[in-house]
């Protein structure tokens, strides 16, 4: 299975959320390496267009959850 197939949009966003919970900050491009539990920035760009897109979606996910509370 290729990295692009393993790292679906949903899995990438989940990994970003987990990174945020674990590190207390949003990942930057240099953080998108497999050793950190994130896909490479290249895989993110191939799947989502930019490496920032999953961070934007994860932030929106959290904002929606807070709005629902």
PDB file of N, CA and C in Angstrom:
ATOM      1  N   UNK A   1       0.848  -1.173   0.000  1.00  0.00           N
ATOM      2  CA  UNK A   1       0.000   0.000   0.000  1.00  0.00           C
ATOM      3  C   UNK A   1       0.894   1.236   0.000  1.00  0.00           C
ATOM      4  N   UNK A   2       0.579   2.184  -0.862  1.00  0.00           N
ATOM      5  CA  UNK A   2       1.392   3.390  -0.929  1.00  0.00           C
ATOM      6  C   UNK A   2       1.065   4.311   0.237  1.00  0.00           C
ATOM      7  N   UNK A   3       1.995   5.199   0.544  1.00  0.00           N
ATOM      8  CA  UNK A   3       1.793   6.157   1.635  1.00  0.00           C
ATOM      9  C   UNK A   3       0.565   7.019   1.379  1.00  0.00           C
ATOM     10  N   UNK A   4       0.334   7.393   0.116  1.00  0.00           N
ATOM     11  CA  UNK A   4      -0.812   8.228  -0.200  1.00  0.00           C
ATOM     12  C   UNK A   4      -2.120   7.519   0.128  1.00  0.00           C
ATOM     13  N   UNK A   5      -2.163   6.208  -0.070  1.00  0.00           N
ATOM     14  CA  UNK A   5      -3.383   5.461   0.230  1.00  0.00           C
ATOM     15  C   UNK A   5      -3.572   5.275   1.734  1.00  0.00           C
ATOM     16  N   UNK A   6      -2.506   5.061   2.454  1.00  0.00           N
ATOM     17  CA  UNK A   6      -2.616   4.923   3.899  1.00  0.00           C
ATOM     18  C   UNK A   6      -3.060   6.237   4.527  1.00  0.00           C
ATOM     19  N   UNK A   7      -2.466   7.325   4.075  1.00  0.00           N
ATOM     20  CA  UNK A   7      -2.743   8.636   4.647  1.00  0.00           C
ATOM     21  C   UNK A   7      -3.907   9.301   3.910  1.00  0.00           C
ATOM     22  N   UNK A   8      -5.114   8.881   4.268  1.00  0.00           N
ATOM     23  CA  UNK A   8      -6.313   9.526   3.737  1.00  0.00           C
ATOM     24  C   UNK A   8      -6.448  10.897   4.383  1.00  0.00           C
ATOM     25  N   UNK A   9      -7.311  11.731   3.847  1.00  0.00           N
ATOM     26  CA  UNK A   9      -7.545  13.043   4.442  1.00  0.00           C
ATOM     27  C   UNK A   9      -7.933  12.910   5.914  1.00  0.00           C
ATOM     28  N   UNK A  10      -8.824  11.985   6.198  1.00  0.00           N
ATOM     29  CA  UNK A  10      -9.285  11.794   7.576  1.00  0.00           C
ATOM     30  C   UNK A  10      -8.142  11.393   8.491  1.00  0.00           C
ATOM     31  N   UNK A  11      -7.298  10.463   8.057  1.00  0.00           N
ATOM     32  CA  UNK A  11      -6.167  10.031   8.888  1.00  0.00           C
ATOM     33  C   UNK A  11      -5.158  11.156   9.094  1.00  0.00           C
ATOM     34  N   UNK A  12      -4.961  11.961   8.067  1.00  0.00           N
ATOM     35  CA  UNK A  12      -4.027  13.080   8.202  1.00  0.00           C
ATOM     36  C   UNK A  12      -4.555  14.072   9.243  1.00  0.00           C
ATOM     37  N   UNK A  13      -5.832  14.409   9.166  1.00  0.00           N
ATOM     38  CA  UNK A  13      -6.418  15.351  10.116  1.00  0.00           C
ATOM     39  C   UNK A  13      -6.380  14.773  11.526  1.00  0.00           C
ATOM     40  N   UNK A  14      -6.679  13.491  11.676  1.00  0.00           N
ATOM     41  CA  UNK A  14      -6.594  12.843  12.986  1.00  0.00           C
ATOM     42  C   UNK A  14      -5.170  12.915  13.537  1.00  0.00           C
ATOM     43  N   UNK A  15      -4.175  12.704  12.675  1.00  0.00           N
ATOM     44  CA  UNK A  15      -2.777  12.782  13.107  1.00  0.00           C
ATOM     45  C   UNK A  15      -2.423  14.205  13.544  1.00  0.00           C
ATOM     46  N   UNK A  16      -2.932  15.191  12.835  1.00  0.00           N
ATOM     47  CA  UNK A  16      -2.696  16.590  13.213  1.00  0.00           C
ATOM     48  C   UNK A  16      -3.332  16.879  14.566  1.00  0.00           C
ATOM     49  N   UNK A  17      -4.553  16.411  14.772  1.00  0.00           N
ATOM     50  CA  UNK A  17      -5.217  16.607  16.068  1.00  0.00           C
ATOM     51  C   UNK A  17      -4.446  15.924  17.196  1.00  0.00           C
ATOM     52  N   UNK A  18      -3.956  14.718  16.947  1.00  0.00           N
ATOM     53  CA  UNK A  18      -3.174  14.005  17.952  1.00  0.00           C
ATOM     54  C   UNK A  18      -1.875  14.745  18.248  1.00  0.00           C
ATOM     55  N   UNK A  19      -1.206  15.249  17.223  1.00  0.00           N
ATOM     56  CA  UNK A  19       0.012  16.033  17.417  1.00  0.00           C
ATOM     57  C   UNK A  19      -0.297  17.248  18.294  1.00  0.00           C
ATOM     58  N   UNK A  20      -1.395  17.921  18.002  1.00  0.00           N
ATOM     59  CA  UNK A  20      -1.786  19.105  18.777  1.00  0.00           C
ATOM     60  C   UNK A  20      -2.049  18.746  20.234  1.00  0.00           C
ATOM     61  N   UNK A  21      -2.744  17.644  20.475  1.00  0.00           N
ATOM     62  CA  UNK A  21      -3.004  17.200  21.859  1.00  0.00           C
ATOM     63  C   UNK A  21      -1.692  16.865  22.577  1.00  0.00           C
ATOM     64  N   UNK A  22      -0.799  16.177  21.877  1.00  0.00           N
ATOM     65  CA  UNK A  22       0.458  15.714  22.469  1.00  0.00           C
ATOM     66  C   UNK A  22       1.457  16.849  22.687  1.00  0.00           C
ATOM     67  N   UNK A  23       1.599  17.735  21.718  1.00  0.00           N
ATOM     68  CA  UNK A  23       2.638  18.769  21.754  1.00  0.00           C
ATOM     69  C   UNK A  23       2.142  20.130  22.250  1.00  0.00           C
ATOM     70  N   UNK A  24       0.821  20.331  22.230  1.00  0.00           N
ATOM     71  CA  UNK A  24       0.272  21.609  22.662  1.00  0.00           C
ATOM     72  C   UNK A  24       0.464  22.728  21.648  1.00  0.00           C
ATOM     73  N   UNK A  25       0.739  22.370  20.414  1.00  0.00           N
ATOM     74  CA  UNK A  25       0.909  23.352  19.335  1.00  0.00           C
ATOM     75  C   UNK A  25       0.493  22.700  18.035  1.00  0.00           C
ATOM     76  N   UNK A  26       0.263  23.536  17.031  1.00  0.00           N
ATOM     77  CA  UNK A  26      -0.072  23.019  15.718  1.00  0.00           C
ATOM     78  C   UNK A  26       1.206  22.682  14.976  1.00  0.00           C
ATOM     79  N   UNK A  27       1.209  21.589  14.210  1.00  0.00           N
ATOM     80  CA  UNK A  27       2.428  21.225  13.489  1.00  0.00           C
ATOM     81  C   UNK A  27       2.756  22.219  12.383  1.00  0.00           C
ATOM     82  N   UNK A  28       4.021  22.377  12.157  1.00  0.00           N
ATOM     83  CA  UNK A  28       4.529  23.170  11.038  1.00  0.00           C
ATOM     84  C   UNK A  28       5.031  22.177   9.994  1.00  0.00           C
ATOM     85  N   UNK A  29       5.381  22.684   8.836  1.00  0.00           N
ATOM     86  CA  UNK A  29       5.796  21.795   7.741  1.00  0.00           C
ATOM     87  C   UNK A  29       6.922  20.861   8.169  1.00  0.00           C
ATOM     88  N   UNK A  30       7.892  21.366   8.916  1.00  0.00           N
ATOM     89  CA  UNK A  30       9.016  20.529   9.336  1.00  0.00           C
ATOM     90  C   UNK A  30       8.586  19.388  10.261  1.00  0.00           C
ATOM     91  N   UNK A  31       7.419  19.521  10.892  1.00  0.00           N
ATOM     92  CA  UNK A  31       6.915  18.468  11.776  1.00  0.00           C
ATOM     93  C   UNK A  31       6.275  17.313  11.011  1.00  0.00           C
ATOM     94  N   UNK A  32       5.948  17.522   9.747  1.00  0.00           N
ATOM     95  CA  UNK A  32       5.293  16.490   8.957  1.00  0.00           C
ATOM     96  C   UNK A  32       6.311  15.466   8.472  1.00  0.00           C
ATOM     97  N   UNK A  33       6.762  14.659   9.406  1.00  0.00           N
ATOM     98  CA  UNK A  33       7.667  13.553   9.106  1.00  0.00           C
ATOM     99  C   UNK A  33       7.104  12.310   9.776  1.00  0.00           C
ATOM    100  N   UNK A  34       7.278  11.198   9.157  1.00  0.00           N
ATOM    101  CA  UNK A  34       6.680   9.954   9.671  1.00  0.00           C
ATOM    102  C   UNK A  34       7.154   9.599  11.076  1.00  0.00           C
ATOM    103  N   UNK A  35       8.357   9.977  11.449  1.00  0.00           N
ATOM    104  CA  UNK A  35       8.851   9.615  12.774  1.00  0.00           C
ATOM    105  C   UNK A  35       8.086  10.326  13.880  1.00  0.00           C
ATOM    106  N   UNK A  36       7.373  11.381  13.551  1.00  0.00           N
ATOM    107  CA  UNK A  36       6.578  12.119  14.529  1.00  0.00           C
ATOM    108  C   UNK A  36       5.116  11.677  14.524  1.00  0.00           C
ATOM    109  N   UNK A  37       4.799  10.629  13.784  1.00  0.00           N
ATOM    110  CA  UNK A  37       3.424  10.161  13.702  1.00  0.00           C
ATOM    111  C   UNK A  37       2.594  10.913  12.683  1.00  0.00           C
ATOM    112  N   UNK A  38       3.253  11.713  11.878  1.00  0.00           N
ATOM    113  CA  UNK A  38       2.590  12.444  10.809  1.00  0.00           C
ATOM    114  C   UNK A  38       3.144  11.988   9.467  1.00  0.00           C
ATOM    115  N   UNK A  39       2.353  12.125   8.413  1.00  0.00           N
ATOM    116  CA  UNK A  39       2.890  11.819   7.095  1.00  0.00           C
ATOM    117  C   UNK A  39       3.888  12.885   6.682  1.00  0.00           C
ATOM    118  N   UNK A  40       4.634  12.626   5.643  1.00  0.00           N
ATOM    119  CA  UNK A  40       5.557  13.638   5.139  1.00  0.00           C
ATOM    120  C   UNK A  40       4.766  14.791   4.530  1.00  0.00           C
ATOM    121  N   UNK A  41       5.381  15.956   4.476  1.00  0.00           N
ATOM    122  CA  UNK A  41       4.741  17.121   3.865  1.00  0.00           C
ATOM    123  C   UNK A  41       4.391  16.837   2.407  1.00  0.00           C
ATOM    124  N   UNK A  42       5.209  16.043   1.740  1.00  0.00           N
ATOM    125  CA  UNK A  42       4.936  15.691   0.341  1.00  0.00           C
ATOM    126  C   UNK A  42       3.639  14.904   0.224  1.00  0.00           C
ATOM    127  N   UNK A  43       3.439  13.924   1.088  1.00  0.00           N
ATOM    128  CA  UNK A  43       2.207  13.135   1.074  1.00  0.00           C
ATOM    129  C   UNK A  43       1.009  14.037   1.369  1.00  0.00           C
ATOM    130  N   UNK A  44       1.161  14.943   2.327  1.00  0.00           N
ATOM    131  CA  UNK A  44       0.068  15.860   2.651  1.00  0.00           C
ATOM    132  C   UNK A  44      -0.277  16.717   1.435  1.00  0.00           C
ATOM    133  N   UNK A  45       0.737  17.255   0.768  1.00  0.00           N
ATOM    134  CA  UNK A  45       0.488  18.075  -0.426  1.00  0.00           C
ATOM    135  C   UNK A  45      -0.206  17.269  -1.526  1.00  0.00           C
ATOM    136  N   UNK A  46       0.224  16.026  -1.727  1.00  0.00           N
ATOM    137  CA  UNK A  46      -0.394  15.178  -2.747  1.00  0.00           C
ATOM    138  C   UNK A  46      -1.864  14.913  -2.429  1.00  0.00           C
ATOM    139  N   UNK A  47      -2.172  14.700  -1.173  1.00  0.00           N
ATOM    140  CA  UNK A  47      -3.548  14.385  -0.771  1.00  0.00           C
ATOM    141  C   UNK A  47      -4.429  15.616  -0.644  1.00  0.00           C
ATOM    142  N   UNK A  48      -3.872  16.694  -0.097  1.00  0.00           N
ATOM    143  CA  UNK A  48      -4.717  17.812   0.330  1.00  0.00           C
ATOM    144  C   UNK A  48      -4.376  19.147  -0.326  1.00  0.00           C
ATOM    145  N   UNK A  49      -3.405  19.164  -1.215  1.00  0.00           N
ATOM    146  CA  UNK A  49      -3.085  20.377  -1.938  1.00  0.00           C
ATOM    147  C   UNK A  49      -1.975  21.210  -1.321  1.00  0.00           C
ATOM    148  N   UNK A  50      -2.030  21.413  -0.012  1.00  0.00           N
ATOM    149  CA  UNK A  50      -0.990  22.143   0.716  1.00  0.00           C
ATOM    150  C   UNK A  50      -0.753  21.455   2.041  1.00  0.00           C
ATOM    151  N   UNK A  51       0.396  21.671   2.645  1.00  0.00           N
ATOM    152  CA  UNK A  51       0.652  21.064   3.949  1.00  0.00           C
ATOM    153  C   UNK A  51      -0.150  21.777   5.033  1.00  0.00           C
ATOM    154  N   UNK A  52      -0.609  22.994   4.798  1.00  0.00           N
ATOM    155  CA  UNK A  52      -1.378  23.734   5.802  1.00  0.00           C
ATOM    156  C   UNK A  52      -2.843  23.293   5.882  1.00  0.00           C
ATOM    157  N   UNK A  53      -3.346  22.687   4.817  1.00  0.00           N
ATOM    158  CA  UNK A  53      -4.768  22.340   4.756  1.00  0.00           C
ATOM    159  C   UNK A  53      -5.230  21.446   5.913  1.00  0.00           C
ATOM    160  N   UNK A  54      -4.521  20.390   6.282  1.00  0.00           N
ATOM    161  CA  UNK A  54      -5.020  19.581   7.403  1.00  0.00           C
ATOM    162  C   UNK A  54      -4.993  20.338   8.731  1.00  0.00           C
ATOM    163  N   UNK A  55      -4.064  21.255   8.895  1.00  0.00           N
ATOM    164  CA  UNK A  55      -4.033  22.069  10.119  1.00  0.00           C
ATOM    165  C   UNK A  55      -5.272  22.965  10.146  1.00  0.00           C
ATOM    166  N   UNK A  56      -5.591  23.590   9.017  1.00  0.00           N
ATOM    167  CA  UNK A  56      -6.769  24.444   8.933  1.00  0.00           C
ATOM    168  C   UNK A  56      -8.030  23.638   9.256  1.00  0.00           C
ATOM    169  N   UNK A  57      -8.137  22.448   8.689  1.00  0.00           N
ATOM    170  CA  UNK A  57      -9.323  21.615   8.939  1.00  0.00           C
ATOM    171  C   UNK A  57      -9.383  21.142  10.390  1.00  0.00           C
ATOM    172  N   UNK A  58      -8.242  20.804  10.961  1.00  0.00           N
ATOM    173  CA  UNK A  58      -8.219  20.373  12.365  1.00  0.00           C
ATOM    174  C   UNK A  58      -8.631  21.525  13.281  1.00  0.00           C
ATOM    175  N   UNK A  59      -8.154  22.726  12.994  1.00  0.00           N
ATOM    176  CA  UNK A  59      -8.542  23.897  13.783  1.00  0.00           C
ATOM    177  C   UNK A  59     -10.044  24.137  13.675  1.00  0.00           C
ATOM    178  N   UNK A  60     -10.592  23.990  12.476  1.00  0.00           N
ATOM    179  CA  UNK A  60     -12.034  24.155  12.271  1.00  0.00           C
ATOM    180  C   UNK A  60     -12.808  23.086  13.033  1.00  0.00           C
ATOM    181  N   UNK A  61     -12.289  21.875  13.045  1.00  0.00           N
ATOM    182  CA  UNK A  61     -12.927  20.774  13.774  1.00  0.00           C
ATOM    183  C   UNK A  61     -13.024  21.108  15.268  1.00  0.00           C
ATOM    184  N   UNK A  62     -11.942  21.612  15.829  1.00  0.00           N
ATOM    185  CA  UNK A  62     -11.933  21.977  17.241  1.00  0.00           C
ATOM    186  C   UNK A  62     -12.881  23.147  17.489  1.00  0.00           C
ATOM    187  N   UNK A  63     -12.858  24.144  16.611  1.00  0.00           N
ATOM    188  CA  UNK A  63     -13.737  25.300  16.766  1.00  0.00           C
ATOM    189  C   UNK A  63     -15.209  24.885  16.722  1.00  0.00           C
ATOM    190  N   UNK A  64     -15.562  23.957  15.846  1.00  0.00           N
ATOM    191  CA  UNK A  64     -16.941  23.472  15.775  1.00  0.00           C
ATOM    192  C   UNK A  64     -17.326  22.747  17.048  1.00  0.00           C
ATOM    193  N   UNK A  65     -16.383  21.965  17.590  1.00  0.00           N
ATOM    194  CA  UNK A  65     -16.654  21.249  18.833  1.00  0.00           C
ATOM    195  C   UNK A  65     -16.856  22.195  19.993  1.00  0.00           C
ATOM    196  N   UNK A  66     -16.080  23.263  20.041  1.00  0.00           N
ATOM    197  CA  UNK A  66     -16.219  24.252  21.112  1.00  0.00           C
ATOM    198  C   UNK A  66     -17.525  25.014  20.961  1.00  0.00           C
ATOM    199  N   UNK A  67     -17.937  25.278  19.729  1.00  0.00           N
ATOM    200  CA  UNK A  67     -19.181  26.001  19.492  1.00  0.00           C
ATOM    201  C   UNK A  67     -20.384  25.154  19.905  1.00  0.00           C
ATOM    202  N   UNK A  68     -20.231  23.834  19.806  1.00  0.00           N
ATOM    203  CA  UNK A  68     -21.316  22.938  20.156  1.00  0.00           C
ATOM    204  C   UNK A  68     -21.488  22.788  21.656  1.00  0.00           C
ATOM    205  N   UNK A  69     -20.480  23.148  22.421  1.00  0.00           N
ATOM    206  CA  UNK A  69     -20.535  22.988  23.888  1.00  0.00           C
ATOM    207  C   UNK A  69     -21.399  24.045  24.522  1.00  0.00           C
TER     208      UNK A  69
END
